[in-house]
Amino acid sequence: MPPPSQRIGAEILCVGSELLLGSIVNTNARWLADQLAALGLAHYRQQVVGDHRGRLIAALQSASRRCRLLITTGGLGPTPDDLTTEAIAAAFDTPLEERPEVWADIQTKLVRRGRSPSPTVRRQALLPVGATLLPNPTGTAPGMIWTPVPGFTLLSFPGVPREMKAMWEATAVPWLRQSGLAQGVFASRILRFWGVGEATLAEQLADLLAGSNPTVAPYAGAGEVTLRLTAAAADRAAAEALLAPLEAELRARTGTACFGDGDDSLASVVLAALRQRGQSLAVAESCTGGGLGAALAAVPGASDVFVGGVIAYANAVKQQLLGVPAALLREHGAVSDPVARAMAEGVQRQTGSTWALAVSGIAGPGGGSPDKPVGLVHLALAGPHGCTSEGVQFGASRGRGWIQTLSIGESLNRLRLALG
């Protein structure tokens, strides 16, 4: 076993075969990573292990040789595949003991819920000898804070996110601060961009991306690029002071390409701008099949700005509900600027909205032609001063969902820019 001085940083070990199989998304690791950053704890590795005693023991022993702090989630329940506590004890050759106060707490909670305690549930009252109880205020599975070898501390949590978060905030954070493991803080900020590629942005900001404190890291998604700004300092105020001039410089260099920060989305930014103006929005969709409306409706409070929309897949629906002239459809086809404009004007007229967006395109994988290939989408924007439309080629290589996502984002971004 290496000496304590050779162990560095924190690691996260998530337990559960359901994570490996992709049955559930591992949101716990992401949340814990954010929490570690906020506490100024350097975080170097994440790992997922299935419900297998041998592999879990090996992962625990390996982590104990590398890191100062290991956080585990999952595997603390009453069923036979909940092996974390047993594996932790076995990994460090320590017997388990029943904690009477834990068993009493479990019984009280179960009786309160109208359930009878069973022998399997009683397993949750077992902890390694010498481990400190990490209470679970909402569930029956407690965690532990334990230093099985010098220089290495382990914190275990249940996999249920609500229980884990409550235990982290109530017990783990105060303990980490008191123990001295949490020193200083990291402050982070997210800036969000549309209409500029990751490579172009990185080239434009090369000197800023080379900084060491604060740091800037780009991440690319479906049409959107994010920059994560991170600063380390003794306290939050000092870290935020480091971030402020960097953020100002980034915004100055990138101009309107930066559409928001934090949890902003193109939909939330557009809705906020419309709300500020006292204006409204409707949508008419073909190839996105309601995705544009869904993105808007996902924002809390959207109903005071977003009046509704029409999913007009068939040409007959375009004619009957949106008033698209049959002659336009015959002459230009559904995927065209004239039809997209007619769709936008039609839903604007029908709903009385200030603004309207319309989308008509070929999302594939079939349906394309040499003149109108898969990935061609016509985006129309109708407003107080008229209506415009443009055909955009998103390409076919990344598939139908990619084309639909880009169509939604690009439509919203055009309205954002029009709103100033």
Foldseek 3Di string as FASTA:
>chain_A
DDDLVQAAFEEEEEEAVCCVVVVDDQVVVVVVVVVCQFLVTHYDYYYYYYLDLVVLLVVVLVNQVHHLEYEYEALLALDPSSCNQVSVCVSLVFDKDFDVVLQVVLQVVQVVVVHHDDPSRSVLRIHTPPWAWQDQPPDSRIWTWDDSDPSHIYTYYYNPVVRRVVSCVPPVVVVCVVVVSRFFHKDKKKWKFADDDPVRLCVLCVVQCPDDAFHWDWDDDLRMIMIMTMGTDRYDVVSVVSVVVVVVVSCVSPPLRTQGMDPDDLLNSLLVLCVVVVFAEEEEEALLQCPLVVVNVVDPPSVSHYPYYYHCHDPVCLCPQQVQDPVCCVPPNCADWSNQQSNFVSRCVVRVGQKYKYKDAALDPDDADPVHGHQWMKIKMQHPVGIGIDIDRPDPPVGNVSSSVVNSRVNSSVSSVVSD
